[in-house]
C-alpha atoms as a PDB file:
ATOM      1  CA  MET A   1      38.467  12.237 -55.619  1.00  0.00           C
ATOM      2  CA  GLY A   2      35.845  14.970 -55.422  1.00  0.00           C
ATOM      3  CA  TYR A   3      35.846  18.138 -53.384  1.00  0.00           C
ATOM      4  CA  LYS A   4      32.886  17.037 -51.243  1.00  0.00           C
ATOM      5  CA  LEU A   5      34.564  13.757 -50.353  1.00  0.00           C
ATOM      6  CA  SER A   6      37.739  15.637 -49.423  1.00  0.00           C
ATOM      7  CA  MET A   7      35.778  17.964 -47.155  1.00  0.00           C
ATOM      8  CA  LEU A   8      34.131  14.934 -45.539  1.00  0.00           C
ATOM      9  CA  MET A   9      37.598  13.479 -44.949  1.00  0.00           C
ATOM     10  CA  LEU A  10      38.654  16.755 -43.330  1.00  0.00           C
ATOM     11  CA  LEU A  11      35.631  16.638 -41.049  1.00  0.00           C
ATOM     12  CA  LEU A  12      36.452  13.058 -40.060  1.00  0.00           C
ATOM     13  CA  ALA A  13      40.116  14.007 -39.539  1.00  0.00           C
ATOM     14  CA  ALA A  14      39.041  16.803 -37.187  1.00  0.00           C
ATOM     15  CA  ILE A  15      36.785  14.414 -35.259  1.00  0.00           C
ATOM     16  CA  ALA A  16      39.669  11.938 -34.969  1.00  0.00           C
ATOM     17  CA  GLU A  17      41.896  14.759 -33.678  1.00  0.00           C
ATOM     18  CA  ALA A  18      39.350  15.704 -31.013  1.00  0.00           C
ATOM     19  CA  ILE A  19      38.989  12.079 -29.897  1.00  0.00           C
ATOM     20  CA  TRP A  20      42.772  11.758 -29.792  1.00  0.00           C
ATOM     21  CA  ASN A  21      42.961  14.816 -27.536  1.00  0.00           C
ATOM     22  CA  VAL A  22      40.346  13.364 -25.164  1.00  0.00           C
ATOM     23  CA  ALA A  23      42.159  10.001 -25.084  1.00  0.00           C
ATOM     24  CA  LEU A  24      45.425  11.796 -24.321  1.00  0.00           C
ATOM     25  CA  LYS A  25      43.817  13.631 -21.414  1.00  0.00           C
ATOM     26  CA  LYS A  26      42.176  10.436 -20.085  1.00  0.00           C
ATOM     27  CA  SER A  27      45.441   8.503 -20.233  1.00  0.00           C
ATOM     28  CA  THR A  28      47.040   7.843 -16.854  1.00  0.00           C
ATOM     29  CA  GLY A  29      50.480   7.174 -18.326  1.00  0.00           C
ATOM     30  CA  LEU A  30      52.363   4.999 -20.769  1.00  0.00           C
ATOM     31  CA  THR A  31      50.905   1.823 -19.283  1.00  0.00           C
ATOM     32  CA  ASP A  32      47.302   2.906 -19.951  1.00  0.00           C
ATOM     33  CA  TRP A  33      47.051   0.796 -23.101  1.00  0.00           C
ATOM     34  CA  ARG A  34      43.363   1.412 -23.699  1.00  0.00           C
ATOM     35  CA  ALA A  35      43.468   5.222 -23.775  1.00  0.00           C
ATOM     36  CA  ASN A  36      46.841   5.286 -25.527  1.00  0.00           C
ATOM     37  CA  GLY A  37      45.694   2.741 -28.130  1.00  0.00           C
ATOM     38  CA  ILE A  38      42.550   4.727 -28.893  1.00  0.00           C
ATOM     39  CA  GLY A  39      44.635   7.886 -29.086  1.00  0.00           C
ATOM     40  CA  LEU A  40      47.210   6.388 -31.439  1.00  0.00           C
ATOM     41  CA  CYS A  41      44.532   4.913 -33.708  1.00  0.00           C
ATOM     42  CA  CYS A  42      42.667   8.221 -33.905  1.00  0.00           C
ATOM     43  CA  MET A  43      45.888  10.161 -34.451  1.00  0.00           C
ATOM     44  CA  SER A  44      46.919   7.828 -37.289  1.00  0.00           C
ATOM     45  CA  LEU A  45      43.457   7.938 -38.846  1.00  0.00           C
ATOM     46  CA  GLY A  46      43.379  11.733 -38.618  1.00  0.00           C
ATOM     47  CA  ILE A  47      46.771  12.101 -40.310  1.00  0.00           C
ATOM     48  CA  PHE A  48      45.774   9.652 -43.059  1.00  0.00           C
ATOM     49  CA  LEU A  49      42.440  11.390 -43.715  1.00  0.00           C
ATOM     50  CA  PHE A  50      44.038  14.842 -43.680  1.00  0.00           C
ATOM     51  CA  LYS A  51      46.689  13.712 -46.172  1.00  0.00           C
ATOM     52  CA  LYS A  52      44.102  12.117 -48.485  1.00  0.00           C
ATOM     53  CA  SER A  53      41.966  15.275 -48.417  1.00  0.00           C
ATOM     54  CA  LEU A  54      44.918  17.242 -49.786  1.00  0.00           C
ATOM     55  CA  ASP A  55      44.398  15.492 -53.128  1.00  0.00           C
ATOM     56  CA  SER A  56      41.457  17.824 -53.867  1.00  0.00           C
ATOM     57  CA  VAL A  57      41.731  20.670 -51.355  1.00  0.00           C
ATOM     58  CA  SER A  58      44.554  23.191 -51.050  1.00  0.00           C
ATOM     59  CA  LEU A  59      46.705  23.008 -47.941  1.00  0.00           C
ATOM     60  CA  SER A  60      45.634  26.446 -46.686  1.00  0.00           C
ATOM     61  CA  VAL A  61      41.918  25.624 -46.925  1.00  0.00           C
ATOM     62  CA  ALA A  62      42.431  22.153 -45.445  1.00  0.00           C
ATOM     63  CA  SER A  63      44.374  23.561 -42.490  1.00  0.00           C
ATOM     64  CA  LEU A  64      41.727  26.220 -41.948  1.00  0.00           C
ATOM     65  CA  VAL A  65      38.812  23.789 -41.921  1.00  0.00           C
ATOM     66  CA  TRP A  66      40.630  21.159 -39.876  1.00  0.00           C
ATOM     67  CA  SER A  67      41.872  23.658 -37.261  1.00  0.00           C
ATOM     68  CA  ALA A  68      38.513  25.357 -36.731  1.00  0.00           C
ATOM     69  CA  ILE A  69      36.555  22.105 -36.453  1.00  0.00           C
ATOM     70  CA  SER A  70      39.067  20.286 -34.257  1.00  0.00           C
ATOM     71  CA  LEU A  71      39.377  23.298 -31.937  1.00  0.00           C
ATOM     72  CA  SER A  72      35.613  23.561 -31.513  1.00  0.00           C
ATOM     73  CA  LEU A  73      35.137  19.823 -31.005  1.00  0.00           C
ATOM     74  CA  THR A  74      38.041  19.511 -28.566  1.00  0.00           C
ATOM     75  CA  ILE A  75      36.696  22.317 -26.409  1.00  0.00           C
ATOM     76  CA  GLY A  76      33.171  20.907 -26.561  1.00  0.00           C
ATOM     77  CA  LEU A  77      34.360  17.427 -25.546  1.00  0.00           C
ATOM     78  CA  ASP A  78      36.504  18.913 -22.782  1.00  0.00           C
ATOM     79  CA  VAL A  79      33.455  20.659 -21.339  1.00  0.00           C
ATOM     80  CA  LEU A  80      31.267  17.571 -21.794  1.00  0.00           C
ATOM     81  CA  PHE A  81      33.585  14.879 -20.401  1.00  0.00           C
ATOM     82  CA  PHE A  82      35.864  16.759 -18.014  1.00  0.00           C
ATOM     83  CA  LYS A  83      33.440  19.447 -16.824  1.00  0.00           C
ATOM     84  CA  THR A  84      35.853  22.201 -17.796  1.00  0.00           C
ATOM     85  CA  ARG A  85      34.535  25.653 -16.999  1.00  0.00           C
ATOM     86  CA  PHE A  86      32.896  27.346 -19.963  1.00  0.00           C
ATOM     87  CA  ASP A  87      31.800  30.929 -19.604  1.00  0.00           C
ATOM     88  CA  LEU A  88      31.262  33.982 -21.751  1.00  0.00           C
ATOM     89  CA  LEU A  89      34.952  34.942 -21.689  1.00  0.00           C
ATOM     90  CA  THR A  90      35.994  31.461 -22.839  1.00  0.00           C
ATOM     91  CA  ALA A  91      33.360  31.526 -25.595  1.00  0.00           C
ATOM     92  CA  GLY A  92      34.609  34.929 -26.721  1.00  0.00           C
ATOM     93  CA  PHE A  93      38.199  33.757 -27.003  1.00  0.00           C
ATOM     94  CA  ILE A  94      37.138  30.604 -28.859  1.00  0.00           C
ATOM     95  CA  LEU A  95      35.239  32.794 -31.296  1.00  0.00           C
ATOM     96  CA  LEU A  96      38.298  35.037 -31.706  1.00  0.00           C
ATOM     97  CA  SER A  97      40.458  31.969 -32.366  1.00  0.00           C
ATOM     98  CA  ILE A  98      38.100  30.691 -35.040  1.00  0.00           C
ATOM     99  CA  ILE A  99      37.895  34.157 -36.622  1.00  0.00           C
ATOM    100  CA  SER A 100      41.706  34.299 -36.599  1.00  0.00           C
ATOM    101  CA  ILE A 101      41.944  30.898 -38.276  1.00  0.00           C
ATOM    102  CA  ILE A 102      39.459  31.980 -40.946  1.00  0.00           C
ATOM    103  CA  GLY A 103      41.296  35.287 -41.424  1.00  0.00           C
ATOM    104  CA  LEU A 104      44.633  33.555 -41.837  1.00  0.00           C
ATOM    105  CA  GLY A 105      43.084  31.194 -44.362  1.00  0.00           C
ATOM    106  CA  TYR A 106      41.618  34.127 -46.269  1.00  0.00           C
ATOM    107  CA  SER A 107      44.875  36.088 -46.289  1.00  0.00           C
ATOM    108  CA  ALA A 108      46.853  33.015 -47.387  1.00  0.00           C
ATOM    109  CA  SER A 109      44.540  32.476 -50.361  1.00  0.00           C
ATOM    110  CA  ARG A 110      44.980  36.030 -51.699  1.00  0.00           C
END
């Protein structure tokens, strides 16, 4: 499997993670089969895609890419669907988190 396909799988795994997080937040409990089913399917798909991407991408790079994308998407979906407050302070801390993830990935690869 090629590097580009592995990166595409990581992107799809991050999207599945973000959808799983939204489904988890929408769920009203264990009897909410629709939200829980969507969440479990997305969680399983995300784990499968992440694992398959490790065939061509190192674990540190895969974790870095997956974490940064899933964090950004989860926050974006939270603002979009749940009208969570998003201001300059929140944006600054998101940026710091992404910079930290990139920095940890860089230091792990040295």
